[in-house]
Amino acid sequence: MTRHIADRSHESSARRTQYYTRQERESALHPAIAALRMRPHARSEAANRRAVEFARIERGHRI
């Protein structure tokens, strides 16, 4: 007697579940990457000094 089409071994189902969970896990963003993206950007001192000088000029202050 042949097996019914719905009769499947448990092993292939478990493998499919493992494959699916691995795909879902790898498609997500790693927590370390998310933390790096949330950090404030470092600004160079030259760019910061330039902004300070423009603000000083805008307020009308002189050296």
PDB file of N, CA and C in Angstrom:
ATOM      1  N   MET A   1       0.839  -1.164   0.000  1.00  0.00           N
ATOM      2  CA  MET A   1       0.000   0.000   0.000  1.00  0.00           C
ATOM      3  C   MET A   1       0.896   1.244   0.000  1.00  0.00           C
ATOM      4  N   THR A   2       0.542   2.219  -0.768  1.00  0.00           N
ATOM      5  CA  THR A   2       1.328   3.444  -0.841  1.00  0.00           C
ATOM      6  C   THR A   2       0.867   4.436   0.222  1.00  0.00           C
ATOM      7  N   ARG A   3       1.765   5.345   0.544  1.00  0.00           N
ATOM      8  CA  ARG A   3       1.429   6.354   1.555  1.00  0.00           C
ATOM      9  C   ARG A   3       0.499   7.406   0.964  1.00  0.00           C
ATOM     10  N   HIS A   4      -0.251   7.997   1.838  1.00  0.00           N
ATOM     11  CA  HIS A   4      -1.147   9.065   1.418  1.00  0.00           C
ATOM     12  C   HIS A   4      -0.328  10.312   1.154  1.00  0.00           C
ATOM     13  N   ILE A   5      -0.793  11.189   0.299  1.00  0.00           N
ATOM     14  CA  ILE A   5      -0.052  12.397  -0.054  1.00  0.00           C
ATOM     15  C   ILE A   5       0.138  13.323   1.155  1.00  0.00           C
ATOM     16  N   ALA A   6      -0.785  13.273   2.121  1.00  0.00           N
ATOM     17  CA  ALA A   6      -0.685  14.122   3.305  1.00  0.00           C
ATOM     18  C   ALA A   6       0.275  13.560   4.349  1.00  0.00           C
ATOM     19  N   ASP A   7       0.671  12.306   4.190  1.00  0.00           N
ATOM     20  CA  ASP A   7       1.602  11.699   5.145  1.00  0.00           C
ATOM     21  C   ASP A   7       3.011  12.170   4.833  1.00  0.00           C
ATOM     22  N   ARG A   8       3.541  12.963   5.701  1.00  0.00           N
ATOM     23  CA  ARG A   8       4.903  13.460   5.522  1.00  0.00           C
ATOM     24  C   ARG A   8       5.684  13.184   6.795  1.00  0.00           C
ATOM     25  N   SER A   9       6.959  13.073   6.652  1.00  0.00           N
ATOM     26  CA  SER A   9       7.777  12.821   7.835  1.00  0.00           C
ATOM     27  C   SER A   9       7.935  14.113   8.632  1.00  0.00           C
ATOM     28  N   HIS A  10       8.126  13.970   9.891  1.00  0.00           N
ATOM     29  CA  HIS A  10       8.273  15.114  10.787  1.00  0.00           C
ATOM     30  C   HIS A  10       9.581  15.846  10.529  1.00  0.00           C
ATOM     31  N   GLU A  11      10.579  15.138  10.031  1.00  0.00           N
ATOM     32  CA  GLU A  11      11.903  15.727   9.830  1.00  0.00           C
ATOM     33  C   GLU A  11      11.877  16.852   8.788  1.00  0.00           C
ATOM     34  N   SER A  12      11.182  16.658   7.688  1.00  0.00           N
ATOM     35  CA  SER A  12      11.171  17.698   6.655  1.00  0.00           C
ATOM     36  C   SER A  12      10.435  18.944   7.165  1.00  0.00           C
ATOM     37  N   SER A  13       9.416  18.735   7.977  1.00  0.00           N
ATOM     38  CA  SER A  13       8.683  19.861   8.534  1.00  0.00           C
ATOM     39  C   SER A  13       9.564  20.648   9.504  1.00  0.00           C
ATOM     40  N   ALA A  14      10.343  19.930  10.301  1.00  0.00           N
ATOM     41  CA  ALA A  14      11.241  20.595  11.249  1.00  0.00           C
ATOM     42  C   ALA A  14      12.320  21.370  10.505  1.00  0.00           C
ATOM     43  N   ARG A  15      12.837  20.799   9.422  1.00  0.00           N
ATOM     44  CA  ARG A  15      13.846  21.490   8.637  1.00  0.00           C
ATOM     45  C   ARG A  15      13.286  22.764   8.021  1.00  0.00           C
ATOM     46  N   ARG A  16      12.066  22.687   7.555  1.00  0.00           N
ATOM     47  CA  ARG A  16      11.431  23.857   6.955  1.00  0.00           C
ATOM     48  C   ARG A  16      11.261  24.959   7.993  1.00  0.00           C
ATOM     49  N   THR A  17      10.886  24.591   9.207  1.00  0.00           N
ATOM     50  CA  THR A  17      10.731  25.561  10.284  1.00  0.00           C
ATOM     51  C   THR A  17      12.071  26.181  10.649  1.00  0.00           C
ATOM     52  N   GLN A  18      13.120  25.369  10.710  1.00  0.00           N
ATOM     53  CA  GLN A  18      14.452  25.894  11.013  1.00  0.00           C
ATOM     54  C   GLN A  18      14.909  26.862   9.930  1.00  0.00           C
ATOM     55  N   TYR A  19      14.647  26.505   8.683  1.00  0.00           N
ATOM     56  CA  TYR A  19      15.035  27.371   7.578  1.00  0.00           C
ATOM     57  C   TYR A  19      14.283  28.698   7.651  1.00  0.00           C
ATOM     58  N   TYR A  20      12.988  28.643   7.925  1.00  0.00           N
ATOM     59  CA  TYR A  20      12.173  29.852   8.015  1.00  0.00           C
ATOM     60  C   TYR A  20      12.654  30.749   9.160  1.00  0.00           C
ATOM     61  N   THR A  21      12.894  30.168  10.321  1.00  0.00           N
ATOM     62  CA  THR A  21      13.331  30.982  11.461  1.00  0.00           C
ATOM     63  C   THR A  21      14.715  31.573  11.210  1.00  0.00           C
ATOM     64  N   ARG A  22      15.586  30.831  10.528  1.00  0.00           N
ATOM     65  CA  ARG A  22      16.908  31.372  10.217  1.00  0.00           C
ATOM     66  C   ARG A  22      16.783  32.548   9.256  1.00  0.00           C
ATOM     67  N   GLN A  23      15.914  32.424   8.264  1.00  0.00           N
ATOM     68  CA  GLN A  23      15.699  33.517   7.315  1.00  0.00           C
ATOM     69  C   GLN A  23      15.160  34.754   8.024  1.00  0.00           C
ATOM     70  N   GLU A  24      14.213  34.567   8.921  1.00  0.00           N
ATOM     71  CA  GLU A  24      13.645  35.699   9.659  1.00  0.00           C
ATOM     72  C   GLU A  24      14.691  36.352  10.557  1.00  0.00           C
ATOM     73  N   ARG A  25      15.500  35.551  11.207  1.00  0.00           N
ATOM     74  CA  ARG A  25      16.523  36.075  12.112  1.00  0.00           C
ATOM     75  C   ARG A  25      17.576  36.860  11.341  1.00  0.00           C
ATOM     76  N   GLU A  26      17.996  36.341  10.189  1.00  0.00           N
ATOM     77  CA  GLU A  26      19.039  37.008   9.416  1.00  0.00           C
ATOM     78  C   GLU A  26      18.534  38.235   8.670  1.00  0.00           C
ATOM     79  N   SER A  27      17.257  38.312   8.418  1.00  0.00           N
ATOM     80  CA  SER A  27      16.728  39.465   7.699  1.00  0.00           C
ATOM     81  C   SER A  27      16.556  40.678   8.611  1.00  0.00           C
ATOM     82  N   ALA A  28      16.538  40.468   9.905  1.00  0.00           N
ATOM     83  CA  ALA A  28      16.357  41.568  10.853  1.00  0.00           C
ATOM     84  C   ALA A  28      17.662  42.344  11.032  1.00  0.00           C
ATOM     85  N   LEU A  29      17.543  43.546  11.515  1.00  0.00           N
ATOM     86  CA  LEU A  29      18.695  44.395  11.779  1.00  0.00           C
ATOM     87  C   LEU A  29      19.339  43.989  13.088  1.00  0.00           C
ATOM     88  N   HIS A  30      20.642  43.812  13.089  1.00  0.00           N
ATOM     89  CA  HIS A  30      21.358  43.408  14.295  1.00  0.00           C
ATOM     90  C   HIS A  30      21.281  44.533  15.327  1.00  0.00           C
ATOM     91  N   PRO A  31      21.105  44.208  16.614  1.00  0.00           N
ATOM     92  CA  PRO A  31      20.990  45.249  17.647  1.00  0.00           C
ATOM     93  C   PRO A  31      22.214  46.177  17.716  1.00  0.00           C
ATOM     94  N   ALA A  32      23.390  45.650  17.437  1.00  0.00           N
ATOM     95  CA  ALA A  32      24.591  46.494  17.472  1.00  0.00           C
ATOM     96  C   ALA A  32      24.543  47.550  16.370  1.00  0.00           C
ATOM     97  N   ILE A  33      24.042  47.182  15.219  1.00  0.00           N
ATOM     98  CA  ILE A  33      23.936  48.130  14.115  1.00  0.00           C
ATOM     99  C   ILE A  33      22.901  49.203  14.448  1.00  0.00           C
ATOM    100  N   ALA A  34      21.805  48.793  15.049  1.00  0.00           N
ATOM    101  CA  ALA A  34      20.767  49.758  15.437  1.00  0.00           C
ATOM    102  C   ALA A  34      21.312  50.737  16.465  1.00  0.00           C
ATOM    103  N   ALA A  35      22.120  50.251  17.401  1.00  0.00           N
ATOM    104  CA  ALA A  35      22.708  51.128  18.421  1.00  0.00           C
ATOM    105  C   ALA A  35      23.676  52.119  17.787  1.00  0.00           C
ATOM    106  N   LEU A  36      24.448  51.671  16.816  1.00  0.00           N
ATOM    107  CA  LEU A  36      25.375  52.579  16.137  1.00  0.00           C
ATOM    108  C   LEU A  36      24.630  53.660  15.360  1.00  0.00           C
ATOM    109  N   ARG A  37      23.507  53.304  14.771  1.00  0.00           N
ATOM    110  CA  ARG A  37      22.738  54.291  14.026  1.00  0.00           C
ATOM    111  C   ARG A  37      22.071  55.309  14.938  1.00  0.00           C
ATOM    112  N   MET A  38      21.808  54.945  16.186  1.00  0.00           N
ATOM    113  CA  MET A  38      21.132  55.836  17.122  1.00  0.00           C
ATOM    114  C   MET A  38      22.100  56.836  17.764  1.00  0.00           C
ATOM    115  N   ARG A  39      23.399  56.555  17.694  1.00  0.00           N
ATOM    116  CA  ARG A  39      24.374  57.458  18.313  1.00  0.00           C
ATOM    117  C   ARG A  39      24.400  58.791  17.580  1.00  0.00           C
ATOM    118  N   PRO A  40      24.663  59.863  18.317  1.00  0.00           N
ATOM    119  CA  PRO A  40      24.759  61.168  17.641  1.00  0.00           C
ATOM    120  C   PRO A  40      26.005  61.210  16.757  1.00  0.00           C
ATOM    121  N   HIS A  41      25.909  61.934  15.670  1.00  0.00           N
ATOM    122  CA  HIS A  41      27.022  62.040  14.749  1.00  0.00           C
ATOM    123  C   HIS A  41      28.098  62.956  15.331  1.00  0.00           C
ATOM    124  N   ALA A  42      29.328  62.550  15.177  1.00  0.00           N
ATOM    125  CA  ALA A  42      30.449  63.381  15.624  1.00  0.00           C
ATOM    126  C   ALA A  42      30.645  64.510  14.618  1.00  0.00           C
ATOM    127  N   ARG A  43      30.841  65.689  15.109  1.00  0.00           N
ATOM    128  CA  ARG A  43      31.043  66.845  14.232  1.00  0.00           C
ATOM    129  C   ARG A  43      32.474  67.340  14.398  1.00  0.00           C
ATOM    130  N   SER A  44      33.020  67.790  13.312  1.00  0.00           N
ATOM    131  CA  SER A  44      34.386  68.283  13.371  1.00  0.00           C
ATOM    132  C   SER A  44      34.403  69.635  14.085  1.00  0.00           C
ATOM    133  N   GLU A  45      35.516  69.925  14.715  1.00  0.00           N
ATOM    134  CA  GLU A  45      35.635  71.192  15.443  1.00  0.00           C
ATOM    135  C   GLU A  45      35.621  72.380  14.489  1.00  0.00           C
ATOM    136  N   ALA A  46      36.152  72.201  13.285  1.00  0.00           N
ATOM    137  CA  ALA A  46      36.183  73.299  12.325  1.00  0.00           C
ATOM    138  C   ALA A  46      34.763  73.677  11.907  1.00  0.00           C
ATOM    139  N   ALA A  47      33.929  72.691  11.658  1.00  0.00           N
ATOM    140  CA  ALA A  47      32.549  72.974  11.257  1.00  0.00           C
ATOM    141  C   ALA A  47      31.792  73.597  12.421  1.00  0.00           C
ATOM    142  N   ASN A  48      32.042  73.139  13.619  1.00  0.00           N
ATOM    143  CA  ASN A  48      31.380  73.681  14.793  1.00  0.00           C
ATOM    144  C   ASN A  48      31.824  75.128  15.030  1.00  0.00           C
ATOM    145  N   ARG A  49      33.089  75.395  14.880  1.00  0.00           N
ATOM    146  CA  ARG A  49      33.606  76.755  15.085  1.00  0.00           C
ATOM    147  C   ARG A  49      33.025  77.708  14.053  1.00  0.00           C
ATOM    148  N   ARG A  50      32.866  77.218  12.835  1.00  0.00           N
ATOM    149  CA  ARG A  50      32.300  78.047  11.771  1.00  0.00           C
ATOM    150  C   ARG A  50      30.862  78.430  12.104  1.00  0.00           C
ATOM    151  N   ALA A  51      30.079  77.489  12.626  1.00  0.00           N
ATOM    152  CA  ALA A  51      28.699  77.776  13.013  1.00  0.00           C
ATOM    153  C   ALA A  51      28.662  78.785  14.153  1.00  0.00           C
ATOM    154  N   VAL A  52      29.602  78.682  15.080  1.00  0.00           N
ATOM    155  CA  VAL A  52      29.665  79.628  16.190  1.00  0.00           C
ATOM    156  C   VAL A  52      29.948  81.036  15.673  1.00  0.00           C
ATOM    157  N   GLU A  53      30.844  81.145  14.725  1.00  0.00           N
ATOM    158  CA  GLU A  53      31.183  82.456  14.173  1.00  0.00           C
ATOM    159  C   GLU A  53      29.998  83.065  13.413  1.00  0.00           C
ATOM    160  N   PHE A  54      29.282  82.251  12.637  1.00  0.00           N
ATOM    161  CA  PHE A  54      28.107  82.756  11.937  1.00  0.00           C
ATOM    162  C   PHE A  54      27.039  83.218  12.924  1.00  0.00           C
ATOM    163  N   ALA A  55      26.851  82.489  14.003  1.00  0.00           N
ATOM    164  CA  ALA A  55      25.865  82.881  15.010  1.00  0.00           C
ATOM    165  C   ALA A  55      26.280  84.188  15.676  1.00  0.00           C
ATOM    166  N   ARG A  56      27.568  84.347  15.954  1.00  0.00           N
ATOM    167  CA  ARG A  56      28.078  85.578  16.562  1.00  0.00           C
ATOM    168  C   ARG A  56      27.843  86.767  15.651  1.00  0.00           C
ATOM    169  N   ILE A  57      28.127  86.595  14.354  1.00  0.00           N
ATOM    170  CA  ILE A  57      27.924  87.679  13.398  1.00  0.00           C
ATOM    171  C   ILE A  57      26.442  88.019  13.295  1.00  0.00           C
ATOM    172  N   GLU A  58      25.595  86.993  13.286  1.00  0.00           N
ATOM    173  CA  GLU A  58      24.149  87.209  13.177  1.00  0.00           C
ATOM    174  C   GLU A  58      23.616  88.012  14.373  1.00  0.00           C
ATOM    175  N   ARG A  59      24.169  87.748  15.550  1.00  0.00           N
ATOM    176  CA  ARG A  59      23.724  88.479  16.748  1.00  0.00           C
ATOM    177  C   ARG A  59      24.288  89.896  16.782  1.00  0.00           C
ATOM    178  N   GLY A  60      25.253  90.208  15.924  1.00  0.00           N
ATOM    179  CA  GLY A  60      25.787  91.560  15.865  1.00  0.00           C
ATOM    180  C   GLY A  60      26.987  91.783  16.781  1.00  0.00           C
ATOM    181  N   HIS A  61      27.540  90.748  17.343  1.00  0.00           N
ATOM    182  CA  HIS A  61      28.716  90.897  18.202  1.00  0.00           C
ATOM    183  C   HIS A  61      29.980  91.060  17.358  1.00  0.00           C
ATOM    184  N   ARG A  62      30.867  91.834  17.882  1.00  0.00           N
ATOM    185  CA  ARG A  62      32.150  92.021  17.206  1.00  0.00           C
ATOM    186  C   ARG A  62      33.269  91.529  18.099  1.00  0.00           C
ATOM    187  N   ILE A  63      34.390  91.266  17.489  1.00  0.00           N
ATOM    188  CA  ILE A  63      35.549  90.752  18.242  1.00  0.00           C
ATOM    189  C   ILE A  63      36.119  91.819  19.128  1.00  0.00           C
TER     190      ILE A  63
END
